[in-house]
Every structure is written in structure tokens, then in C-alpha cells.
Amino acid sequence: MSSDEEARVWLREHFLRTLTKLNGVEAVFTMHENITVTGQYECSSADLKYFHVSGLKTPLGNCKQSLLRSSDVISIDFKTPSSLFSLPVSTTISSTTVSKDCLQSQ
């Protein structure tokens, strides 16, 4: 495996591990038209096209369980406790980089 391939494997693995740690974390989703909605991030689809959110609060009302299309999401700001990561990191993730299926901690 080339060093570029190894780097991609390492990045993908750590990206998925980060998303696993974010399961169940409160998040603010910025949508098109600068609309913000909040809820608890649960997971995303394997193809990264949908986010499962529980307790979604929107300007029009609340939903217990929702799927957000990643194409409608501009950014996600995770409200993470500082102890979640060993190093200081930004937890705002662009909608172009989001998870695999509902990952479970291993």
C-alpha cells in the first residue's frame, strides 16, 4: 500500500471513529436559507445522504425522530463535552463529510 493510500485509510478510520463518538450528541444544523435546527445527532446513512436526528427542534415545530438530507445541510455544529476528544479539535463538520451507517462503539 502506498503512503497516500495508508494516509487515506488512517483518515477514513479516524473520521468514522469521530462520528461514532458523536452519536447522541446535541448538534445545531445550519440549513439552506440560513435556517438553524437543533437536535441530537444519532447517525448517518452508509452513503452519507441522510442524518438521523432525534428531538429535532425547527422553526415550524418539533419532531421526535427525523431524517435530514445531507444536501440540505450546510454545516453541523456538535455541542461536545471537552472530554470527548483527547486533543482540541473543531467539531463543526461540513455536510460533505459525514458518517457511515449508525456505527456502534467497538
Foldseek 3Di string as FASTA:
>chain_A
DDPVVVVVVVVQVVLQVVQLLQAQFKKWWQFPVRFIKIFRFHFAEQVLQWTWGAQIQGPVGTDGIDIDGLVGTQKMQTPDDPVSDPDDDGPIDGSVDGYYGRDHDD
